[in-house]
Amino acid sequence: MTMVSRRSTIALVAAVLAALGTAGCGSGSHGPTLPSESDLASSSDVRSQVIVTQFVVDTGFLPGAELGPGAVVNGVVADNAQFTTWYGAGQNHLLSQGSRVAIYQETPKVAAALRHLPQLQSAADRKAKVPPWTPEQTARAVLVQEMVDATFVSGAVAQGLTDSSDHVISGSALDSWYTAHDNDRLPGSSDMTLADEVTRIVTAIGTLKP
């Protein structure tokens, strides 16, 4: 073997080893990039604002036209610039005539429920063993939370559905209550049923990105 060919061979081997080393580092030490806590919080916060506003629109306590042009399309609240503009001023709107809870006060509870979704769980959530919920379970918990805080569900009933922080939780008690009422009309001036509203929440959840 000549000196030139030997050098070429050594260079080729070095290049191959370097490539293998790089590939090894990529597959061994670097897993999938997890979304940051701030990204997760932003996703759940923005979506919760839309979901709570949708509830107040669907009960008729907040006319969709009040949100401004393009904020409600075919009855559905849109996550767009017009909605963001309205929310800045309209978040103080109460959930119902008999409620003392405003939209901005309800959104943290909904956001907390959304954090049970696997795609919105952080490393801290998993370490704390926050139980994962399906979109359907999450939507049911969110809707009943809204109804409780809007005073559409009595406090006595709510006691069996909430945790120590007064957050509605997914479980057998919620499943039993919802199964008995899913075909009931949504309170207020709506023609929608509870099941219809849950479907809307599930659809909104489907747009969530980690």
Protein backbone atom coordinates (compact mmCIF):
# COMPACT_ATOMS: atom_id res chain seq x y z
CA MET A 1 0.00 0.00 0.00
CA THR A 2 1.41 3.43 -0.95
CA MET A 3 1.69 6.32 1.47
CA VAL A 4 -1.07 8.22 -0.38
CA SER A 5 -3.53 5.32 -0.33
CA ARG A 6 -2.77 4.65 3.35
CA ARG A 7 -3.53 8.27 4.21
CA SER A 8 -6.76 8.09 2.21
CA THR A 9 -7.80 4.95 4.07
CA ILE A 10 -7.05 6.50 7.45
CA ALA A 11 -9.00 9.62 6.53
CA LEU A 12 -11.96 7.53 5.39
CA VAL A 13 -11.99 5.48 8.59
CA ALA A 14 -11.77 8.64 10.69
CA ALA A 15 -14.70 10.17 8.82
CA VAL A 16 -16.82 7.05 9.32
CA LEU A 17 -15.99 6.90 13.03
CA ALA A 18 -16.83 10.57 13.42
CA ALA A 19 -20.16 10.08 11.70
CA LEU A 20 -20.98 7.09 13.89
CA GLY A 21 -20.00 9.03 16.98
CA THR A 22 -22.28 11.91 16.02
CA ALA A 23 -25.18 9.55 15.32
CA GLY A 24 -24.59 7.82 18.64
CA CYS A 25 -24.71 11.09 20.55
CA GLY A 26 -27.91 12.09 18.80
CA SER A 27 -29.72 8.85 19.54
CA GLY A 28 -28.28 8.06 22.94
CA SER A 29 -28.05 11.30 24.85
CA HIS A 30 -30.73 13.43 23.25
CA GLY A 31 -34.36 12.33 23.40
CA PRO A 32 -37.35 14.18 21.94
CA THR A 33 -37.41 17.85 22.81
CA LEU A 34 -40.10 18.42 25.43
CA PRO A 35 -42.16 21.62 25.34
CA SER A 36 -41.21 24.19 27.94
CA GLU A 37 -43.37 24.90 30.96
CA SER A 38 -44.15 28.36 29.58
CA ASP A 39 -45.32 26.88 26.27
CA LEU A 40 -47.54 24.37 28.05
CA ALA A 41 -49.01 27.05 30.29
CA SER A 42 -49.65 29.34 27.32
CA SER A 43 -51.44 26.58 25.38
CA SER A 44 -53.74 25.69 28.27
CA ASP A 45 -54.38 29.32 29.26
CA VAL A 46 -55.36 30.54 25.79
CA ARG A 47 -57.57 27.54 25.14
CA SER A 48 -59.27 27.87 28.52
CA GLN A 49 -60.16 31.48 27.70
CA VAL A 50 -61.89 30.33 24.52
CA ILE A 51 -63.66 27.41 26.23
CA VAL A 52 -65.07 29.50 29.08
CA THR A 53 -66.19 32.26 26.73
CA GLN A 54 -67.85 29.63 24.51
CA PHE A 55 -69.82 28.39 27.50
CA VAL A 56 -71.12 31.87 28.34
CA VAL A 57 -72.02 32.45 24.69
CA ASP A 58 -73.82 29.10 24.44
CA THR A 59 -75.93 29.75 27.53
CA GLY A 60 -77.00 33.06 25.99
CA PHE A 61 -75.72 35.18 28.85
CA LEU A 62 -73.13 36.69 26.51
CA PRO A 63 -74.41 37.47 22.99
CA GLY A 64 -71.81 36.42 20.45
CA ALA A 65 -72.16 39.70 18.61
CA GLU A 66 -70.67 41.50 21.62
CA LEU A 67 -67.30 39.88 20.94
CA GLY A 68 -66.98 41.78 17.68
CA PRO A 69 -66.78 40.78 14.01
CA GLY A 70 -65.10 37.46 13.34
CA ALA A 71 -64.75 36.44 16.98
CA VAL A 72 -67.69 34.02 16.72
CA VAL A 73 -68.10 32.02 13.52
CA ASN A 74 -71.23 29.89 13.13
CA GLY A 75 -71.70 30.01 16.87
CA VAL A 76 -68.15 28.93 17.64
CA VAL A 77 -65.72 31.25 19.43
CA ALA A 78 -62.57 31.62 17.35
CA ASP A 79 -59.06 31.95 18.75
CA ASN A 80 -58.07 35.00 16.70
CA ALA A 81 -56.99 38.60 17.05
CA GLN A 82 -60.53 39.88 17.48
CA PHE A 83 -61.18 37.46 20.33
CA THR A 84 -57.91 38.46 21.99
CA THR A 85 -58.90 42.11 21.74
CA TRP A 86 -62.34 41.44 23.22
CA TYR A 87 -60.98 39.25 26.02
CA GLY A 88 -58.74 42.05 27.24
CA ALA A 89 -61.84 44.06 28.13
CA GLY A 90 -64.54 41.39 28.41
CA GLN A 91 -62.90 38.93 30.76
CA ASN A 92 -64.73 40.52 33.70
CA HIS A 93 -68.06 39.28 32.32
CA LEU A 94 -69.77 36.96 34.83
CA LEU A 95 -70.53 33.33 34.00
CA SER A 96 -74.24 33.84 34.62
CA GLN A 97 -76.67 36.25 36.19
CA GLY A 98 -76.57 34.36 39.48
CA SER A 99 -72.82 33.82 39.54
CA ARG A 100 -70.13 35.82 41.28
CA VAL A 101 -67.42 34.20 39.16
CA ALA A 102 -66.07 36.11 36.17
CA ILE A 103 -64.66 34.58 33.01
CA TYR A 104 -61.09 35.46 34.00
CA GLN A 105 -61.59 33.71 37.36
CA GLU A 106 -62.89 30.55 35.73
CA THR A 107 -60.12 30.18 33.17
CA PRO A 108 -57.45 29.06 35.70
CA LYS A 109 -59.70 26.18 36.81
CA VAL A 110 -60.24 25.12 33.21
CA ALA A 111 -56.52 25.47 32.51
CA ALA A 112 -55.79 23.23 35.50
CA ALA A 113 -58.15 20.60 34.10
CA LEU A 114 -56.50 20.81 30.68
CA ARG A 115 -53.16 20.02 32.29
CA HIS A 116 -54.46 16.48 32.84
CA LEU A 117 -54.18 15.98 29.07
CA PRO A 118 -50.99 14.01 28.31
CA GLN A 119 -49.89 16.52 25.65
CA LEU A 120 -50.02 19.33 28.20
CA GLN A 121 -48.28 17.58 31.07
CA SER A 122 -44.85 18.81 32.05
CA ALA A 123 -42.08 16.80 33.67
CA ALA A 124 -43.22 18.27 36.99
CA ASP A 125 -46.82 17.12 36.35
CA ARG A 126 -45.63 13.60 35.65
CA LYS A 127 -43.35 13.59 38.67
CA ALA A 128 -46.31 14.67 40.79
CA LYS A 129 -48.31 11.85 39.18
CA VAL A 130 -51.07 14.12 37.92
CA PRO A 131 -53.54 11.57 36.54
CA PRO A 132 -53.90 11.75 32.76
CA TRP A 133 -57.42 12.20 31.38
CA THR A 134 -58.81 11.60 27.92
CA PRO A 135 -60.26 14.59 26.01
CA GLU A 136 -63.78 13.32 26.80
CA GLN A 137 -63.04 13.03 30.54
CA THR A 138 -61.44 16.46 30.53
CA ALA A 139 -64.35 18.03 28.66
CA ARG A 140 -66.87 16.62 31.10
CA ALA A 141 -64.92 17.92 34.08
CA VAL A 142 -64.57 21.34 32.45
CA LEU A 143 -68.27 21.65 31.63
CA VAL A 144 -69.45 20.61 35.08
CA GLN A 145 -66.90 23.00 36.64
CA GLU A 146 -68.38 25.82 34.59
CA MET A 147 -71.92 24.84 35.57
CA VAL A 148 -71.03 24.65 39.25
CA ASP A 149 -69.36 28.07 39.21
CA ALA A 150 -72.22 29.54 37.20
CA THR A 151 -74.58 28.24 39.95
CA PHE A 152 -76.38 25.97 37.47
CA VAL A 153 -75.48 22.97 39.64
CA SER A 154 -76.20 23.17 43.36
CA GLY A 155 -73.46 23.20 45.94
CA ALA A 156 -74.76 20.01 47.54
CA VAL A 157 -74.36 18.12 44.27
CA ALA A 158 -70.98 19.70 43.62
CA GLN A 159 -69.56 18.43 46.91
CA GLY A 160 -69.56 14.92 45.53
CA LEU A 161 -67.79 15.96 42.34
CA THR A 162 -64.97 18.20 43.56
CA ASP A 163 -61.66 17.85 45.35
CA SER A 164 -60.50 19.83 48.39
CA SER A 165 -59.76 22.83 46.14
CA ASP A 166 -63.30 22.84 44.73
CA HIS A 167 -62.05 21.61 41.36
CA VAL A 168 -64.30 19.12 39.59
CA ILE A 169 -62.40 15.88 39.06
CA SER A 170 -62.86 13.02 36.63
CA GLY A 171 -64.10 9.84 38.26
CA SER A 172 -67.08 7.60 38.89
CA ALA A 173 -69.11 10.34 40.61
CA LEU A 174 -68.72 12.68 37.63
CA ASP A 175 -69.44 9.88 35.15
CA SER A 176 -72.65 8.95 36.95
CA TRP A 177 -73.86 12.54 37.16
CA TYR A 178 -73.02 13.28 33.53
CA THR A 179 -74.63 10.07 32.23
CA ALA A 180 -77.85 11.07 34.00
CA HIS A 181 -77.82 14.60 32.53
CA ASP A 182 -75.98 14.55 29.20
CA ASN A 183 -79.20 15.00 27.23
CA ASP A 184 -80.42 17.88 29.39
CA ARG A 185 -80.60 21.31 27.80
CA LEU A 186 -77.74 23.62 28.59
CA PRO A 187 -79.04 26.23 31.08
CA GLY A 188 -80.05 29.61 29.72
CA SER A 189 -81.45 30.36 26.31
CA SER A 190 -79.56 27.63 24.50
CA ASP A 191 -81.00 24.81 22.41
CA MET A 192 -77.83 22.81 23.00
CA THR A 193 -77.51 19.84 25.33
CA LEU A 194 -74.72 19.16 27.79
CA ALA A 195 -73.44 16.52 25.36
CA ASP A 196 -73.31 19.16 22.60
CA GLU A 197 -71.20 21.43 24.78
CA VAL A 198 -68.85 18.58 25.71
CA THR A 199 -68.38 17.92 22.00
CA ARG A 200 -67.43 21.56 21.50
CA ILE A 201 -64.89 21.36 24.30
CA VAL A 202 -63.42 18.15 22.88
CA THR A 203 -63.09 19.90 19.51
CA ALA A 204 -61.32 22.85 21.16
CA ILE A 205 -59.00 20.43 22.96
CA GLY A 206 -58.18 18.87 19.60
CA THR A 207 -56.60 22.14 18.48
CA LEU A 208 -54.19 22.18 21.42
CA LYS A 209 -50.53 21.91 20.58
CA PRO A 210 -47.84 21.27 23.20
